[in-house]
Amino acid sequence: MPRFIPPIAFALIGLILFGQGAYIHAKALLAQVLLERAFAQSIATGQPVKP
């Protein structure tokens, strides 16, 4: 049973690191969308709009 603990631990650490990387990329994509919408709305209304 102890032979399976290190591979499982490494797999879990890898999944956590992969999840953090995916989260950063998803957050960046969402930020781009919000910035584009706010810019388009501020151009259309002439008023500053927060993203």
C-alpha atoms as a PDB file:
ATOM      1  CA  MET A   1       0.000   0.000   0.000  1.00  0.00           C
ATOM      2  CA  PRO A   2       2.760   2.579   0.741  1.00  0.00           C
ATOM      3  CA  ARG A   3       4.094   2.181  -2.825  1.00  0.00           C
ATOM      4  CA  PHE A   4       0.996   3.891  -4.215  1.00  0.00           C
ATOM      5  CA  ILE A   5       1.158   6.988  -2.021  1.00  0.00           C
ATOM      6  CA  PRO A   6       3.963   8.903  -3.856  1.00  0.00           C
ATOM      7  CA  PRO A   7       2.431   8.525  -7.357  1.00  0.00           C
ATOM      8  CA  ILE A   8      -0.964   9.587  -6.052  1.00  0.00           C
ATOM      9  CA  ALA A   9       0.594  12.573  -4.264  1.00  0.00           C
ATOM     10  CA  PHE A  10       2.469  13.625  -7.409  1.00  0.00           C
ATOM     11  CA  ALA A  11      -0.681  13.257  -9.524  1.00  0.00           C
ATOM     12  CA  LEU A  12      -2.627  15.384  -7.064  1.00  0.00           C
ATOM     13  CA  ILE A  13       0.066  18.071  -7.045  1.00  0.00           C
ATOM     14  CA  GLY A  14       0.106  18.021 -10.859  1.00  0.00           C
ATOM     15  CA  LEU A  15      -3.661  18.435 -11.030  1.00  0.00           C
ATOM     16  CA  ILE A  16      -3.536  21.341  -8.600  1.00  0.00           C
ATOM     17  CA  LEU A  17      -0.830  23.090 -10.637  1.00  0.00           C
ATOM     18  CA  PHE A  18      -2.713  22.451 -13.883  1.00  0.00           C
ATOM     19  CA  GLY A  19      -5.890  23.861 -12.335  1.00  0.00           C
ATOM     20  CA  GLN A  20      -4.102  27.013 -11.210  1.00  0.00           C
ATOM     21  CA  GLY A  21      -2.712  27.553 -14.710  1.00  0.00           C
ATOM     22  CA  ALA A  22      -6.110  27.002 -16.303  1.00  0.00           C
ATOM     23  CA  TYR A  23      -7.685  29.416 -13.809  1.00  0.00           C
ATOM     24  CA  ILE A  24      -5.219  32.176 -14.708  1.00  0.00           C
ATOM     25  CA  HIS A  25      -5.897  31.741 -18.434  1.00  0.00           C
ATOM     26  CA  ALA A  26      -9.674  31.704 -17.934  1.00  0.00           C
ATOM     27  CA  LYS A  27      -9.456  34.846 -15.807  1.00  0.00           C
ATOM     28  CA  ALA A  28      -7.405  36.603 -18.499  1.00  0.00           C
ATOM     29  CA  LEU A  29      -9.909  35.683 -21.211  1.00  0.00           C
ATOM     30  CA  LEU A  30     -12.800  36.924 -19.098  1.00  0.00           C
ATOM     31  CA  ALA A  31     -10.963  40.181 -18.407  1.00  0.00           C
ATOM     32  CA  GLN A  32     -10.503  40.757 -22.146  1.00  0.00           C
ATOM     33  CA  VAL A  33     -14.227  40.263 -22.768  1.00  0.00           C
ATOM     34  CA  LEU A  34     -15.185  42.617 -19.950  1.00  0.00           C
ATOM     35  CA  LEU A  35     -12.735  45.280 -21.126  1.00  0.00           C
ATOM     36  CA  GLU A  36     -14.017  45.071 -24.714  1.00  0.00           C
ATOM     37  CA  ARG A  37     -17.642  45.392 -23.565  1.00  0.00           C
ATOM     38  CA  ALA A  38     -16.868  48.341 -21.307  1.00  0.00           C
ATOM     39  CA  PHE A  39     -14.908  50.072 -24.076  1.00  0.00           C
ATOM     40  CA  ALA A  40     -17.713  49.560 -26.604  1.00  0.00           C
ATOM     41  CA  GLN A  41     -20.313  50.844 -24.156  1.00  0.00           C
ATOM     42  CA  SER A  42     -18.236  53.888 -23.232  1.00  0.00           C
ATOM     43  CA  ILE A  43     -17.801  54.729 -26.919  1.00  0.00           C
ATOM     44  CA  ALA A  44     -21.543  54.339 -27.524  1.00  0.00           C
ATOM     45  CA  THR A  45     -22.684  56.379 -24.516  1.00  0.00           C
ATOM     46  CA  GLY A  46     -19.804  58.813 -24.153  1.00  0.00           C
ATOM     47  CA  GLN A  47     -19.658  58.056 -20.433  1.00  0.00           C
ATOM     48  CA  PRO A  48     -16.897  56.116 -18.672  1.00  0.00           C
ATOM     49  CA  VAL A  49     -17.968  52.540 -17.883  1.00  0.00           C
ATOM     50  CA  LYS A  50     -16.270  50.190 -15.446  1.00  0.00           C
ATOM     51  CA  PRO A  51     -15.516  46.730 -16.856  1.00  0.00           C
END
